[in-house]
């Protein structure tokens, strides 16, 4: 694990694979950390890619910024990290909130992105009801901590059948959620409640876009992934059977095959 100070916060990150390889930056969702991407990091590094996987501000080992952290703040952090690592362009991918951060990074820094990987996410702006819910959840996490919330949502993160079928995966996902600092999680929830509409920038995207979704994702269902795929002119859609909201964790071999095939065939400049 390495660390760097970016925009006033110390971010911890992993840097795998050959330093001269094409760069893939992977963004975890809420309320996880960089270890969510461990199966993809190993597969990509073995295939010759340089894989940069940060803990977002407020998550994992990175510094916490209480209050409100916008998706644009995360995007600025990621580009700042790439600047420090002297990386001009990268494939940028994310899951859930991480996918929205990837879209925000594309909105702000399209010239820095070779390709996008959007897993189990939504391009729509937050609804009034969603904004209220996220702020109430932020209040709950600050008051109660992460453990009760983690227990409440594990069957949605993994799909209920995977909680018992994949106990090691369930333990890892629960561990990440329970270890997250409530202040960081709450700040991200409040900022995410203010997120913009990414549909116009996706429709204008010039880079290739991989859209991935688990068949049983209840947070961002297949219909959301199909909507994103229809928007992006150079998109590829892949639906992963036997997975919920985190297909990269639950079906890593299938996810990795899809990702590597996309990079080799649709984003050869990044291979």
Protein backbone atom coordinates (compact mmCIF):
# COMPACT_ATOMS: atom_id res chain seq x y z
CA UNK A 1 0.00 0.00 0.00
CA UNK A 2 1.20 3.49 -0.89
CA UNK A 3 -0.12 6.90 0.07
CA UNK A 4 -0.13 10.43 -1.31
CA UNK A 5 -1.49 13.77 -0.17
CA UNK A 6 -4.02 15.07 -2.68
CA UNK A 7 -6.14 18.20 -2.23
CA UNK A 8 -5.34 18.31 1.46
CA UNK A 9 -6.15 14.65 2.22
CA UNK A 10 -3.87 11.64 2.49
CA UNK A 11 -5.14 8.91 0.19
CA UNK A 12 -3.96 5.34 0.49
CA UNK A 13 -3.84 3.25 -2.66
CA UNK A 14 -2.50 0.08 -4.23
CA UNK A 15 -0.44 0.18 -7.42
CA UNK A 16 -0.26 -3.27 -9.03
CA UNK A 17 1.24 -4.58 -12.24
CA UNK A 18 4.01 -3.30 -14.49
CA UNK A 19 4.66 0.42 -14.13
CA UNK A 20 4.86 0.70 -17.93
CA UNK A 21 1.54 -1.06 -18.50
CA UNK A 22 -1.66 0.66 -19.62
CA UNK A 23 -3.31 2.17 -16.55
CA UNK A 24 -6.66 1.09 -15.13
CA UNK A 25 -7.99 2.99 -12.11
CA UNK A 26 -10.78 1.28 -10.16
CA UNK A 27 -13.13 3.09 -7.76
CA UNK A 28 -14.93 1.28 -4.97
CA UNK A 29 -18.49 2.06 -3.97
CA UNK A 30 -20.10 2.99 -0.66
CA UNK A 31 -19.33 1.94 2.05
CA UNK A 32 -16.36 -0.15 0.95
CA UNK A 33 -12.64 0.24 0.31
CA UNK A 34 -10.03 -0.63 -2.27
CA UNK A 35 -9.95 -4.34 -1.33
CA UNK A 36 -13.33 -4.72 -3.05
CA UNK A 37 -11.38 -4.78 -6.34
CA UNK A 38 -8.79 -7.40 -5.29
CA UNK A 39 -9.92 -10.06 -7.81
CA UNK A 40 -9.85 -7.56 -10.67
CA UNK A 41 -6.51 -6.10 -9.57
CA UNK A 42 -4.88 -9.54 -9.70
CA UNK A 43 -6.35 -10.44 -13.07
CA UNK A 44 -5.49 -7.11 -14.69
CA UNK A 45 -1.95 -7.04 -13.33
CA UNK A 46 -1.38 -10.59 -14.58
CA UNK A 47 -2.55 -9.45 -18.03
CA UNK A 48 0.02 -6.64 -18.09
CA UNK A 49 -2.02 -3.69 -16.89
CA UNK A 50 -0.99 -1.22 -14.23
CA UNK A 51 -3.86 -1.13 -11.76
CA UNK A 52 -4.31 1.81 -9.38
CA UNK A 53 -6.90 1.23 -6.67
CA UNK A 54 -7.39 4.00 -4.09
CA UNK A 55 -9.31 4.21 -0.87
CA UNK A 56 -11.58 7.18 -1.47
CA UNK A 57 -11.44 10.13 0.91
CA UNK A 58 -13.36 9.03 4.01
CA UNK A 59 -13.02 5.30 3.34
CA UNK A 60 -10.51 2.58 4.14
CA UNK A 61 -7.17 3.97 5.31
CA UNK A 62 -7.61 7.39 3.68
CA UNK A 63 -8.24 10.61 5.58
CA UNK A 64 -11.78 11.48 6.61
CA UNK A 65 -13.34 14.80 5.63
CA UNK A 66 -16.46 15.29 7.78
CA UNK A 67 -19.50 17.22 6.60
CA UNK A 68 -20.17 16.82 2.90
CA UNK A 69 -17.96 15.44 0.14
CA UNK A 70 -19.27 15.84 -3.40
CA UNK A 71 -18.70 13.44 -6.24
CA UNK A 72 -16.71 16.24 -7.85
CA UNK A 73 -14.37 16.23 -4.84
CA UNK A 74 -13.71 12.53 -5.34
CA UNK A 75 -13.13 13.09 -9.06
CA UNK A 76 -10.64 15.87 -8.34
CA UNK A 77 -8.85 13.58 -5.89
CA UNK A 78 -8.52 10.83 -8.48
CA UNK A 79 -7.14 13.13 -11.14
CA UNK A 80 -4.81 14.65 -8.55
CA UNK A 81 -3.53 11.16 -7.73
CA UNK A 82 -2.96 10.40 -11.43
CA UNK A 83 -1.10 13.70 -11.73
CA UNK A 84 1.21 12.76 -8.86
CA UNK A 85 1.83 9.40 -10.51
CA UNK A 86 2.49 11.17 -13.85
CA UNK A 87 -0.32 9.25 -15.55
CA UNK A 88 -1.82 11.22 -18.41
CA UNK A 89 -4.68 8.88 -19.36
CA UNK A 90 -6.34 5.86 -17.81
CA UNK A 91 -9.25 3.51 -18.10
CA UNK A 92 -11.46 4.51 -15.18
CA UNK A 93 -14.01 2.15 -13.71
CA UNK A 94 -16.27 2.11 -10.70
CA UNK A 95 -19.11 0.24 -9.06
CA UNK A 96 -22.26 1.88 -7.65
CA UNK A 97 -21.16 5.23 -6.17
CA UNK A 98 -17.78 4.51 -7.74
CA UNK A 99 -19.48 4.36 -11.13
CA UNK A 100 -21.02 7.75 -10.50
CA UNK A 101 -17.60 9.09 -9.52
CA UNK A 102 -16.26 7.65 -12.79
CA UNK A 103 -19.01 9.49 -14.69
CA UNK A 104 -18.24 12.68 -12.77
CA UNK A 105 -14.56 12.28 -13.63
CA UNK A 106 -15.53 11.88 -17.28
CA UNK A 107 -17.76 14.95 -17.06
CA UNK A 108 -14.90 17.04 -15.69
CA UNK A 109 -11.87 15.42 -17.30
CA UNK A 110 -12.97 13.55 -20.42
CA UNK A 111 -9.57 14.06 -22.06
CA UNK A 112 -7.95 11.98 -19.30
CA UNK A 113 -10.11 8.90 -19.88
CA UNK A 114 -9.34 6.15 -22.41
CA UNK A 115 -12.42 4.11 -21.51
CA UNK A 116 -15.10 3.90 -18.83
CA UNK A 117 -16.22 0.83 -16.88
CA UNK A 118 -19.57 1.39 -15.16
CA UNK A 119 -20.77 -1.40 -12.90
CA UNK A 120 -24.17 -1.43 -11.19
CA UNK A 121 -24.71 2.30 -11.19
CA UNK A 122 -27.14 4.99 -12.36
CA UNK A 123 -26.68 8.08 -14.52
CA UNK A 124 -29.80 9.82 -13.20
CA UNK A 125 -29.70 12.78 -10.82
CA UNK A 126 -30.92 12.18 -7.29
CA UNK A 127 -34.66 12.44 -6.75
CA UNK A 128 -36.12 14.59 -3.93
CA UNK A 129 -37.09 11.39 -2.12
CA UNK A 130 -33.62 9.96 -2.61
CA UNK A 131 -32.01 13.13 -1.31
CA UNK A 132 -34.09 12.96 1.86
CA UNK A 133 -33.29 9.25 2.30
CA UNK A 134 -29.53 9.74 1.88
CA UNK A 135 -29.45 12.56 4.41
CA UNK A 136 -31.49 10.56 6.90
CA UNK A 137 -29.14 7.60 6.41
CA UNK A 138 -26.16 9.89 7.02
CA UNK A 139 -27.77 10.98 10.30
CA UNK A 140 -28.35 7.35 11.25
CA UNK A 141 -24.75 6.30 10.57
CA UNK A 142 -23.39 9.17 12.65
CA UNK A 143 -25.73 8.30 15.51
CA UNK A 144 -25.51 4.50 15.43
CA UNK A 145 -22.34 3.54 13.57
CA UNK A 146 -22.04 1.15 10.64
CA UNK A 147 -22.83 -2.29 12.09
CA UNK A 148 -26.63 -2.17 12.00
CA UNK A 149 -26.67 -0.67 8.52
CA UNK A 150 -24.26 -3.34 7.28
CA UNK A 151 -26.50 -6.11 8.60
CA UNK A 152 -29.54 -4.46 7.00
CA UNK A 153 -28.10 -4.26 3.49
CA UNK A 154 -25.81 -7.28 3.09
CA UNK A 155 -28.53 -9.31 1.35
CA UNK A 156 -29.01 -6.48 -1.14
CA UNK A 157 -25.32 -5.93 -1.77
CA UNK A 158 -24.76 -9.61 -2.51
CA UNK A 159 -28.27 -10.92 -3.32
CA UNK A 160 -29.73 -12.97 -0.50
CA UNK A 161 -28.78 -16.37 -1.94
CA UNK A 162 -25.11 -15.39 -2.08
CA UNK A 163 -24.91 -14.45 1.60
CA UNK A 164 -25.12 -18.12 2.53
CA UNK A 165 -23.63 -19.58 -0.66
CA UNK A 166 -20.51 -17.40 -0.53
CA UNK A 167 -19.70 -16.98 3.18
CA UNK A 168 -16.14 -15.73 2.61
CA UNK A 169 -17.36 -13.04 0.24
CA UNK A 170 -20.14 -12.07 2.64
CA UNK A 171 -17.64 -11.81 5.49
CA UNK A 172 -15.36 -9.59 3.40
CA UNK A 173 -18.19 -7.29 2.34
CA UNK A 174 -19.53 -7.05 5.90
CA UNK A 175 -16.03 -6.37 7.19
CA UNK A 176 -15.52 -3.49 4.80
CA UNK A 177 -18.84 -1.92 5.67
CA UNK A 178 -18.39 -2.26 9.43
CA UNK A 179 -14.85 -0.84 9.30
CA UNK A 180 -15.85 2.32 7.41
CA UNK A 181 -15.69 5.53 9.43
CA UNK A 182 -19.30 6.77 9.80
CA UNK A 183 -18.13 10.36 9.29
CA UNK A 184 -16.69 9.52 5.88
CA UNK A 185 -19.74 7.49 4.87
CA UNK A 186 -22.11 10.25 5.98
CA UNK A 187 -20.15 12.95 4.15
CA UNK A 188 -20.25 10.95 0.93
CA UNK A 189 -23.98 10.28 1.29
CA UNK A 190 -24.71 13.99 1.70
CA UNK A 191 -22.58 14.88 -1.31
CA UNK A 192 -24.02 12.10 -3.44
CA UNK A 193 -27.50 13.41 -2.68
CA UNK A 194 -26.54 16.49 -4.71
CA UNK A 195 -25.27 14.60 -7.74
CA UNK A 196 -25.98 15.93 -11.25
CA UNK A 197 -27.48 14.27 -14.30
CA UNK A 198 -24.86 12.36 -16.29
CA UNK A 199 -27.02 11.45 -19.27
CA UNK A 200 -25.92 14.30 -21.54
CA UNK A 201 -22.22 13.72 -20.99
CA UNK A 202 -22.63 9.99 -21.51
CA UNK A 203 -24.47 10.63 -24.78
CA UNK A 204 -21.54 12.79 -25.90
CA UNK A 205 -18.86 10.35 -24.74
CA UNK A 206 -16.21 9.55 -27.33
CA UNK A 207 -14.52 6.81 -25.35
CA UNK A 208 -15.70 3.20 -25.23
CA UNK A 209 -17.90 2.33 -22.25
CA UNK A 210 -18.38 -1.05 -20.61
CA UNK A 211 -21.64 -1.33 -18.68
CA UNK A 212 -21.89 -4.27 -16.27
CA UNK A 213 -24.74 -5.28 -13.98
CA UNK A 214 -25.73 -8.25 -11.85
CA UNK A 215 -28.97 -9.96 -12.83
CA UNK A 216 -30.38 -9.58 -9.31
CA UNK A 217 -29.24 -6.07 -8.46
CA UNK A 218 -32.07 -4.43 -6.52
CA UNK A 219 -30.37 -1.04 -6.13
CA UNK A 220 -29.53 -0.40 -9.79
CA UNK A 221 -31.36 -3.08 -11.77
CA UNK A 222 -30.67 -4.30 -15.29
CA UNK A 223 -32.99 -1.63 -16.70
CA UNK A 224 -30.66 1.08 -15.35
CA UNK A 225 -27.68 -0.55 -17.04
CA UNK A 226 -29.60 -0.84 -20.30
CA UNK A 227 -30.45 2.87 -20.13
CA UNK A 228 -26.78 3.78 -19.69
CA UNK A 229 -25.79 1.49 -22.54
CA UNK A 230 -28.33 3.09 -24.88
CA UNK A 231 -26.94 6.53 -24.07
CA UNK A 232 -23.24 5.92 -24.64
CA UNK A 233 -22.45 5.68 -28.39
CA UNK A 234 -19.59 3.16 -27.96
CA UNK A 235 -21.05 0.98 -25.23
CA UNK A 236 -20.94 -2.72 -24.47
CA UNK A 237 -23.47 -4.18 -22.02
CA UNK A 238 -22.80 -7.32 -20.00
CA UNK A 239 -25.27 -8.87 -17.55
CA UNK A 240 -23.65 -11.16 -14.96
CA UNK A 241 -25.80 -14.09 -13.81
CA UNK A 242 -25.83 -15.10 -10.17
CA UNK A 243 -24.94 -11.67 -8.82
CA UNK A 244 -26.53 -8.69 -7.16
CA UNK A 245 -25.06 -5.23 -6.68
CA UNK A 246 -21.40 -6.29 -6.54
CA UNK A 247 -20.78 -8.73 -9.42
CA UNK A 248 -17.03 -8.18 -9.33
CA UNK A 249 -16.95 -9.64 -5.81
CA UNK A 250 -19.57 -12.37 -6.27
CA UNK A 251 -18.71 -13.59 -9.77
CA UNK A 252 -15.09 -12.42 -10.16
CA UNK A 253 -14.11 -14.85 -12.91
CA UNK A 254 -17.06 -13.87 -15.10
CA UNK A 255 -16.54 -10.18 -14.37
CA UNK A 256 -12.82 -10.42 -15.15
CA UNK A 257 -13.45 -12.16 -18.47
CA UNK A 258 -15.88 -9.45 -19.50
CA UNK A 259 -13.50 -6.68 -18.42
CA UNK A 260 -10.42 -8.11 -20.12
CA UNK A 261 -12.34 -8.85 -23.32
CA UNK A 262 -13.62 -5.28 -23.39
CA UNK A 263 -10.16 -3.82 -22.91
CA UNK A 264 -8.65 -6.00 -25.63
CA UNK A 265 -11.39 -5.55 -28.23
CA UNK A 266 -13.04 -2.21 -27.57
CA UNK A 267 -10.21 -0.21 -26.00
CA UNK A 268 -7.09 -1.48 -27.79
CA UNK A 269 -5.34 1.86 -27.19
CA UNK A 270 -5.39 0.93 -23.51
CA UNK A 271 -3.99 -2.54 -24.08
